[in-house]
Amino acid sequence: ISCWNPLQSLLSSMKQACEILTRDPEGGAARIPFEMFSFLYSYLAGIDGEISETETKTFLQGIQEQADQHSGMVLIRHF
């Protein structure tokens, strides 16, 4: 039996969003600005309804710390 994991599903969606929205060349790091990542993640987590606001804020804090070390850009490997 496979359990549906809302966080894994959301992260998969975020990976796809990064790959679509990046300005990096094909096969590159698929970076997007933290502000864009944060907006999309918060929006999708809110629609999902299974991920609490606290979990969302905590996750985004960790991502922002990593993005701050990469000129404000989120890389797929950050999540």
PDB file of N, CA and C in Angstrom:
ATOM      1  N   ILE A   1       0.853  -1.186   0.000  1.00  0.00           N
ATOM      2  CA  ILE A   1       0.000   0.000   0.000  1.00  0.00           C
ATOM      3  C   ILE A   1       0.890   1.238   0.000  1.00  0.00           C
ATOM      4  N   SER A   2       0.588   2.126  -0.895  1.00  0.00           N
ATOM      5  CA  SER A   2       1.358   3.359  -0.986  1.00  0.00           C
ATOM      6  C   SER A   2       0.563   4.474  -0.325  1.00  0.00           C
ATOM      7  N   CYS A   3       1.231   5.236   0.524  1.00  0.00           N
ATOM      8  CA  CYS A   3       0.581   6.358   1.206  1.00  0.00           C
ATOM      9  C   CYS A   3       0.861   7.633   0.438  1.00  0.00           C
ATOM     10  N   TRP A   4      -0.181   8.421   0.211  1.00  0.00           N
ATOM     11  CA  TRP A   4      -0.018   9.693  -0.458  1.00  0.00           C
ATOM     12  C   TRP A   4       0.576  10.678   0.531  1.00  0.00           C
ATOM     13  N   ASN A   5       1.647  11.310   0.149  1.00  0.00           N
ATOM     14  CA  ASN A   5       2.324  12.258   1.012  1.00  0.00           C
ATOM     15  C   ASN A   5       2.165  13.658   0.412  1.00  0.00           C
ATOM     16  N   PRO A   6       1.369  14.524   1.071  1.00  0.00           N
ATOM     17  CA  PRO A   6       1.122  15.851   0.497  1.00  0.00           C
ATOM     18  C   PRO A   6       2.401  16.676   0.326  1.00  0.00           C
ATOM     19  N   LEU A   7       3.354  16.531   1.247  1.00  0.00           N
ATOM     20  CA  LEU A   7       4.590  17.304   1.135  1.00  0.00           C
ATOM     21  C   LEU A   7       5.395  16.845  -0.080  1.00  0.00           C
ATOM     22  N   GLN A   8       5.510  15.539  -0.294  1.00  0.00           N
ATOM     23  CA  GLN A   8       6.254  15.038  -1.450  1.00  0.00           C
ATOM     24  C   GLN A   8       5.583  15.481  -2.753  1.00  0.00           C
ATOM     25  N   SER A   9       4.275  15.449  -2.786  1.00  0.00           N
ATOM     26  CA  SER A   9       3.535  15.882  -3.965  1.00  0.00           C
ATOM     27  C   SER A   9       3.789  17.370  -4.231  1.00  0.00           C
ATOM     28  N   LEU A  10       3.768  18.168  -3.190  1.00  0.00           N
ATOM     29  CA  LEU A  10       4.015  19.606  -3.314  1.00  0.00           C
ATOM     30  C   LEU A  10       5.445  19.861  -3.788  1.00  0.00           C
ATOM     31  N   LEU A  11       6.410  19.142  -3.227  1.00  0.00           N
ATOM     32  CA  LEU A  11       7.801  19.335  -3.624  1.00  0.00           C
ATOM     33  C   LEU A  11       8.022  18.925  -5.076  1.00  0.00           C
ATOM     34  N   SER A  12       7.326  17.895  -5.516  1.00  0.00           N
ATOM     35  CA  SER A  12       7.404  17.483  -6.914  1.00  0.00           C
ATOM     36  C   SER A  12       6.855  18.593  -7.814  1.00  0.00           C
ATOM     37  N   SER A  13       5.756  19.198  -7.401  1.00  0.00           N
ATOM     38  CA  SER A  13       5.180  20.316  -8.154  1.00  0.00           C
ATOM     39  C   SER A  13       6.136  21.503  -8.174  1.00  0.00           C
ATOM     40  N   MET A  14       6.805  21.765  -7.065  1.00  0.00           N
ATOM     41  CA  MET A  14       7.743  22.878  -6.989  1.00  0.00           C
ATOM     42  C   MET A  14       8.960  22.631  -7.883  1.00  0.00           C
ATOM     43  N   LYS A  15       9.405  21.389  -7.955  1.00  0.00           N
ATOM     44  CA  LYS A  15      10.523  21.046  -8.837  1.00  0.00           C
ATOM     45  C   LYS A  15      10.139  21.354 -10.292  1.00  0.00           C
ATOM     46  N   GLN A  16       8.938  20.937 -10.667  1.00  0.00           N
ATOM     47  CA  GLN A  16       8.465  21.206 -12.024  1.00  0.00           C
ATOM     48  C   GLN A  16       8.344  22.706 -12.277  1.00  0.00           C
ATOM     49  N   ALA A  17       7.841  23.442 -11.291  1.00  0.00           N
ATOM     50  CA  ALA A  17       7.706  24.897 -11.435  1.00  0.00           C
ATOM     51  C   ALA A  17       9.074  25.534 -11.641  1.00  0.00           C
ATOM     52  N   CYS A  18      10.070  25.105 -10.876  1.00  0.00           N
ATOM     53  CA  CYS A  18      11.423  25.648 -11.029  1.00  0.00           C
ATOM     54  C   CYS A  18      11.950  25.373 -12.429  1.00  0.00           C
ATOM     55  N   GLU A  19      11.725  24.166 -12.915  1.00  0.00           N
ATOM     56  CA  GLU A  19      12.216  23.796 -14.244  1.00  0.00           C
ATOM     57  C   GLU A  19      11.519  24.608 -15.346  1.00  0.00           C
ATOM     58  N   ILE A  20      10.256  24.946 -15.135  1.00  0.00           N
ATOM     59  CA  ILE A  20       9.499  25.720 -16.122  1.00  0.00           C
ATOM     60  C   ILE A  20       9.844  27.209 -16.058  1.00  0.00           C
ATOM     61  N   LEU A  21       9.980  27.744 -14.847  1.00  0.00           N
ATOM     62  CA  LEU A  21      10.119  29.189 -14.670  1.00  0.00           C
ATOM     63  C   LEU A  21      11.558  29.709 -14.685  1.00  0.00           C
ATOM     64  N   THR A  22      12.528  28.816 -14.617  1.00  0.00           N
ATOM     65  CA  THR A  22      13.926  29.257 -14.555  1.00  0.00           C
ATOM     66  C   THR A  22      14.354  29.954 -15.842  1.00  0.00           C
ATOM     67  N   ARG A  23      15.340  30.796 -15.703  1.00  0.00           N
ATOM     68  CA  ARG A  23      15.976  31.406 -16.875  1.00  0.00           C
ATOM     69  C   ARG A  23      17.300  30.709 -17.171  1.00  0.00           C
ATOM     70  N   ASP A  24      17.628  29.692 -16.366  1.00  0.00           N
ATOM     71  CA  ASP A  24      18.840  28.913 -16.605  1.00  0.00           C
ATOM     72  C   ASP A  24      18.675  28.093 -17.880  1.00  0.00           C
ATOM     73  N   PRO A  25      19.781  27.798 -18.550  1.00  0.00           N
ATOM     74  CA  PRO A  25      19.690  26.974 -19.760  1.00  0.00           C
ATOM     75  C   PRO A  25      19.218  25.560 -19.432  1.00  0.00           C
ATOM     76  N   GLU A  26      18.710  24.872 -20.430  1.00  0.00           N
ATOM     77  CA  GLU A  26      18.261  23.484 -20.284  1.00  0.00           C
ATOM     78  C   GLU A  26      19.348  22.663 -19.607  1.00  0.00           C
ATOM     79  N   GLY A  27      18.969  21.909 -18.571  1.00  0.00           N
ATOM     80  CA  GLY A  27      19.924  21.077 -17.854  1.00  0.00           C
ATOM     81  C   GLY A  27      20.682  21.829 -16.772  1.00  0.00           C
ATOM     82  N   GLY A  28      20.389  23.116 -16.603  1.00  0.00           N
ATOM     83  CA  GLY A  28      21.058  23.931 -15.582  1.00  0.00           C
ATOM     84  C   GLY A  28      20.463  23.690 -14.206  1.00  0.00           C
ATOM     85  N   ALA A  29      20.791  24.565 -13.286  1.00  0.00           N
ATOM     86  CA  ALA A  29      20.381  24.414 -11.887  1.00  0.00           C
ATOM     87  C   ALA A  29      18.885  24.668 -11.656  1.00  0.00           C
ATOM     88  N   ALA A  30      18.188  25.232 -12.627  1.00  0.00           N
ATOM     89  CA  ALA A  30      16.752  25.535 -12.519  1.00  0.00           C
ATOM     90  C   ALA A  30      16.452  26.453 -11.334  1.00  0.00           C
ATOM     91  N   ARG A  31      17.259  27.516 -11.223  1.00  0.00           N
ATOM     92  CA  ARG A  31      17.086  28.474 -10.128  1.00  0.00           C
ATOM     93  C   ARG A  31      15.896  29.398 -10.397  1.00  0.00           C
ATOM     94  N   ILE A  32      15.215  29.765  -9.318  1.00  0.00           N
ATOM     95  CA  ILE A  32      14.203  30.819  -9.398  1.00  0.00           C
ATOM     96  C   ILE A  32      14.370  31.710  -8.166  1.00  0.00           C
ATOM     97  N   PRO A  33      13.933  32.962  -8.237  1.00  0.00           N
ATOM     98  CA  PRO A  33      14.050  33.855  -7.079  1.00  0.00           C
ATOM     99  C   PRO A  33      13.233  33.326  -5.895  1.00  0.00           C
ATOM    100  N   PHE A  34      13.769  33.550  -4.684  1.00  0.00           N
ATOM    101  CA  PHE A  34      13.088  33.080  -3.479  1.00  0.00           C
ATOM    102  C   PHE A  34      11.664  33.619  -3.407  1.00  0.00           C
ATOM    103  N   GLU A  35      11.464  34.872  -3.772  1.00  0.00           N
ATOM    104  CA  GLU A  35      10.129  35.471  -3.681  1.00  0.00           C
ATOM    105  C   GLU A  35       9.121  34.690  -4.524  1.00  0.00           C
ATOM    106  N   MET A  36       9.530  34.298  -5.712  1.00  0.00           N
ATOM    107  CA  MET A  36       8.654  33.519  -6.586  1.00  0.00           C
ATOM    108  C   MET A  36       8.396  32.135  -5.981  1.00  0.00           C
ATOM    109  N   PHE A  37       9.457  31.502  -5.499  1.00  0.00           N
ATOM    110  CA  PHE A  37       9.336  30.182  -4.890  1.00  0.00           C
ATOM    111  C   PHE A  37       8.389  30.242  -3.688  1.00  0.00           C
ATOM    112  N   SER A  38       8.604  31.224  -2.833  1.00  0.00           N
ATOM    113  CA  SER A  38       7.807  31.374  -1.615  1.00  0.00           C
ATOM    114  C   SER A  38       6.328  31.580  -1.945  1.00  0.00           C
ATOM    115  N   PHE A  39       6.054  32.449  -2.926  1.00  0.00           N
ATOM    116  CA  PHE A  39       4.679  32.703  -3.331  1.00  0.00           C
ATOM    117  C   PHE A  39       4.008  31.418  -3.823  1.00  0.00           C
ATOM    118  N   LEU A  40       4.676  30.714  -4.728  1.00  0.00           N
ATOM    119  CA  LEU A  40       4.102  29.483  -5.292  1.00  0.00           C
ATOM    120  C   LEU A  40       3.917  28.407  -4.232  1.00  0.00           C
ATOM    121  N   TYR A  41       4.935  28.220  -3.400  1.00  0.00           N
ATOM    122  CA  TYR A  41       4.863  27.188  -2.366  1.00  0.00           C
ATOM    123  C   TYR A  41       3.713  27.483  -1.398  1.00  0.00           C
ATOM    124  N   SER A  42       3.633  28.724  -0.941  1.00  0.00           N
ATOM    125  CA  SER A  42       2.569  29.105   0.004  1.00  0.00           C
ATOM    126  C   SER A  42       1.190  28.928  -0.621  1.00  0.00           C
ATOM    127  N   TYR A  43       1.062  29.324  -1.869  1.00  0.00           N
ATOM    128  CA  TYR A  43      -0.209  29.185  -2.579  1.00  0.00           C
ATOM    129  C   TYR A  43      -0.611  27.717  -2.692  1.00  0.00           C
ATOM    130  N   LEU A  44       0.295  26.888  -3.170  1.00  0.00           N
ATOM    131  CA  LEU A  44      -0.020  25.469  -3.355  1.00  0.00           C
ATOM    132  C   LEU A  44      -0.251  24.757  -2.019  1.00  0.00           C
ATOM    133  N   ALA A  45       0.518  25.107  -1.004  1.00  0.00           N
ATOM    134  CA  ALA A  45       0.317  24.498   0.324  1.00  0.00           C
ATOM    135  C   ALA A  45      -1.053  24.888   0.874  1.00  0.00           C
ATOM    136  N   GLY A  46      -1.469  26.134   0.629  1.00  0.00           N
ATOM    137  CA  GLY A  46      -2.780  26.591   1.084  1.00  0.00           C
ATOM    138  C   GLY A  46      -3.916  25.864   0.389  1.00  0.00           C
ATOM    139  N   ILE A  47      -3.771  25.625  -0.901  1.00  0.00           N
ATOM    140  CA  ILE A  47      -4.787  24.889  -1.658  1.00  0.00           C
ATOM    141  C   ILE A  47      -4.870  23.448  -1.177  1.00  0.00           C
ATOM    142  N   ASP A  48      -3.696  22.858  -0.925  1.00  0.00           N
ATOM    143  CA  ASP A  48      -3.638  21.466  -0.485  1.00  0.00           C
ATOM    144  C   ASP A  48      -4.396  21.262   0.822  1.00  0.00           C
ATOM    145  N   GLY A  49      -4.175  22.161   1.776  1.00  0.00           N
ATOM    146  CA  GLY A  49      -4.888  22.094   3.042  1.00  0.00           C
ATOM    147  C   GLY A  49      -4.352  21.080   4.035  1.00  0.00           C
ATOM    148  N   GLU A  50      -3.407  20.241   3.627  1.00  0.00           N
ATOM    149  CA  GLU A  50      -2.858  19.208   4.516  1.00  0.00           C
ATOM    150  C   GLU A  50      -1.586  19.674   5.211  1.00  0.00           C
ATOM    151  N   ILE A  51      -1.011  20.761   4.744  1.00  0.00           N
ATOM    152  CA  ILE A  51       0.238  21.273   5.294  1.00  0.00           C
ATOM    153  C   ILE A  51      -0.082  22.533   6.082  1.00  0.00           C
ATOM    154  N   SER A  52       0.273  22.529   7.359  1.00  0.00           N
ATOM    155  CA  SER A  52      -0.084  23.652   8.231  1.00  0.00           C
ATOM    156  C   SER A  52       0.700  24.909   7.876  1.00  0.00           C
ATOM    157  N   GLU A  53       0.164  26.029   8.290  1.00  0.00           N
ATOM    158  CA  GLU A  53       0.832  27.308   8.055  1.00  0.00           C
ATOM    159  C   GLU A  53       2.183  27.331   8.766  1.00  0.00           C
ATOM    160  N   THR A  54       2.248  26.728   9.948  1.00  0.00           N
ATOM    161  CA  THR A  54       3.505  26.660  10.696  1.00  0.00           C
ATOM    162  C   THR A  54       4.538  25.842   9.934  1.00  0.00           C
ATOM    163  N   GLU A  55       4.130  24.699   9.389  1.00  0.00           N
ATOM    164  CA  GLU A  55       5.045  23.871   8.603  1.00  0.00           C
ATOM    165  C   GLU A  55       5.534  24.636   7.374  1.00  0.00           C
ATOM    166  N   THR A  56       4.631  25.357   6.742  1.00  0.00           N
ATOM    167  CA  THR A  56       4.982  26.136   5.561  1.00  0.00           C
ATOM    168  C   THR A  56       6.011  27.201   5.913  1.00  0.00           C
ATOM    169  N   LYS A  57       5.769  27.952   6.982  1.00  0.00           N
ATOM    170  CA  LYS A  57       6.692  29.011   7.392  1.00  0.00           C
ATOM    171  C   LYS A  57       8.059  28.446   7.755  1.00  0.00           C
ATOM    172  N   THR A  58       8.077  27.340   8.482  1.00  0.00           N
ATOM    173  CA  THR A  58       9.334  26.712   8.884  1.00  0.00           C
ATOM    174  C   THR A  58      10.116  26.248   7.665  1.00  0.00           C
ATOM    175  N   PHE A  59       9.432  25.603   6.722  1.00  0.00           N
ATOM    176  CA  PHE A  59      10.077  25.129   5.503  1.00  0.00           C
ATOM    177  C   PHE A  59      10.671  26.297   4.725  1.00  0.00           C
ATOM    178  N   LEU A  60       9.879  27.361   4.550  1.00  0.00           N
ATOM    179  CA  LEU A  60      10.336  28.508   3.769  1.00  0.00           C
ATOM    180  C   LEU A  60      11.492  29.246   4.438  1.00  0.00           C
ATOM    181  N   GLN A  61      11.537  29.240   5.764  1.00  0.00           N
ATOM    182  CA  GLN A  61      12.667  29.853   6.476  1.00  0.00           C
ATOM    183  C   GLN A  61      13.964  29.133   6.116  1.00  0.00           C
ATOM    184  N   GLY A  62      13.915  27.807   6.117  1.00  0.00           N
ATOM    185  CA  GLY A  62      15.095  27.022   5.762  1.00  0.00           C
ATOM    186  C   GLY A  62      15.515  27.255   4.326  1.00  0.00           C
ATOM    187  N   ILE A  63      14.541  27.332   3.436  1.00  0.00           N
ATOM    188  CA  ILE A  63      14.835  27.582   2.018  1.00  0.00           C
ATOM    189  C   ILE A  63      15.435  28.977   1.846  1.00  0.00           C
ATOM    190  N   GLN A  64      14.909  29.949   2.578  1.00  0.00           N
ATOM    191  CA  GLN A  64      15.419  31.318   2.439  1.00  0.00           C
ATOM    192  C   GLN A  64      16.871  31.399   2.911  1.00  0.00           C
ATOM    193  N   GLU A  65      17.206  30.690   3.986  1.00  0.00           N
ATOM    194  CA  GLU A  65      18.585  30.696   4.469  1.00  0.00           C
ATOM    195  C   GLU A  65      19.530  30.181   3.383  1.00  0.00           C
ATOM    196  N   GLN A  66      19.110  29.135   2.681  1.00  0.00           N
ATOM    197  CA  GLN A  66      19.942  28.600   1.599  1.00  0.00           C
ATOM    198  C   GLN A  66      19.974  29.550   0.408  1.00  0.00           C
ATOM    199  N   ALA A  67      18.829  30.124   0.070  1.00  0.00           N
ATOM    200  CA  ALA A  67      18.761  31.054  -1.063  1.00  0.00           C
ATOM    201  C   ALA A  67      19.625  32.285  -0.806  1.00  0.00           C
ATOM    202  N   ASP A  68      19.669  32.735   0.440  1.00  0.00           N
ATOM    203  CA  ASP A  68      20.486  33.903   0.784  1.00  0.00           C
ATOM    204  C   ASP A  68      21.960  33.667   0.466  1.00  0.00           C
ATOM    205  N   GLN A  69      22.387  32.424   0.490  1.00  0.00           N
ATOM    206  CA  GLN A  69      23.780  32.080   0.172  1.00  0.00           C
ATOM    207  C   GLN A  69      24.000  31.952  -1.338  1.00  0.00           C
ATOM    208  N   HIS A  70      22.924  32.062  -2.119  1.00  0.00           N
ATOM    209  CA  HIS A  70      22.992  31.936  -3.577  1.00  0.00           C
ATOM    210  C   HIS A  70      22.313  33.126  -4.255  1.00  0.00           C
ATOM    211  N   SER A  71      22.622  34.317  -3.779  1.00  0.00           N
ATOM    212  CA  SER A  71      22.111  35.583  -4.354  1.00  0.00           C
ATOM    213  C   SER A  71      20.589  35.614  -4.429  1.00  0.00           C
ATOM    214  N   GLY A  72      19.920  35.013  -3.428  1.00  0.00           N
ATOM    215  CA  GLY A  72      18.463  35.060  -3.365  1.00  0.00           C
ATOM    216  C   GLY A  72      17.752  34.068  -4.260  1.00  0.00           C
ATOM    217  N   MET A  73      18.514  33.142  -4.827  1.00  0.00           N
ATOM    218  CA  MET A  73      17.941  32.169  -5.759  1.00  0.00           C
ATOM    219  C   MET A  73      17.773  30.818  -5.075  1.00  0.00           C
ATOM    220  N   VAL A  74      16.649  30.158  -5.364  1.00  0.00           N
ATOM    221  CA  VAL A  74      16.362  28.821  -4.854  1.00  0.00           C
ATOM    222  C   VAL A  74      16.776  27.807  -5.926  1.00  0.00           C
ATOM    223  N   LEU A  75      17.540  26.816  -5.503  1.00  0.00           N
ATOM    224  CA  LEU A  75      17.939  25.723  -6.390  1.00  0.00           C
ATOM    225  C   LEU A  75      17.141  24.486  -6.004  1.00  0.00           C
ATOM    226  N   ILE A  76      16.872  23.629  -6.950  1.00  0.00           N
ATOM    227  CA  ILE A  76      16.099  22.417  -6.663  1.00  0.00           C
ATOM    228  C   ILE A  76      16.746  21.612  -5.538  1.00  0.00           C
ATOM    229  N   ARG A  77      18.059  21.573  -5.505  1.00  0.00           N
ATOM    230  CA  ARG A  77      18.732  20.790  -4.465  1.00  0.00           C
ATOM    231  C   ARG A  77      18.483  21.331  -3.051  1.00  0.00           C
ATOM    232  N   HIS A  78      17.987  22.547  -2.932  1.00  0.00           N
ATOM    233  CA  HIS A  78      17.686  23.122  -1.625  1.00  0.00           C
ATOM    234  C   HIS A  78      16.502  22.424  -0.950  1.00  0.00           C
ATOM    235  N   PHE A  79      15.686  21.748  -1.751  1.00  0.00           N
ATOM    236  CA  PHE A  79      14.535  21.071  -1.157  1.00  0.00           C
ATOM    237  C   PHE A  79      14.465  19.650  -1.619  1.00  0.00           C
TER     238      PHE A  79
END
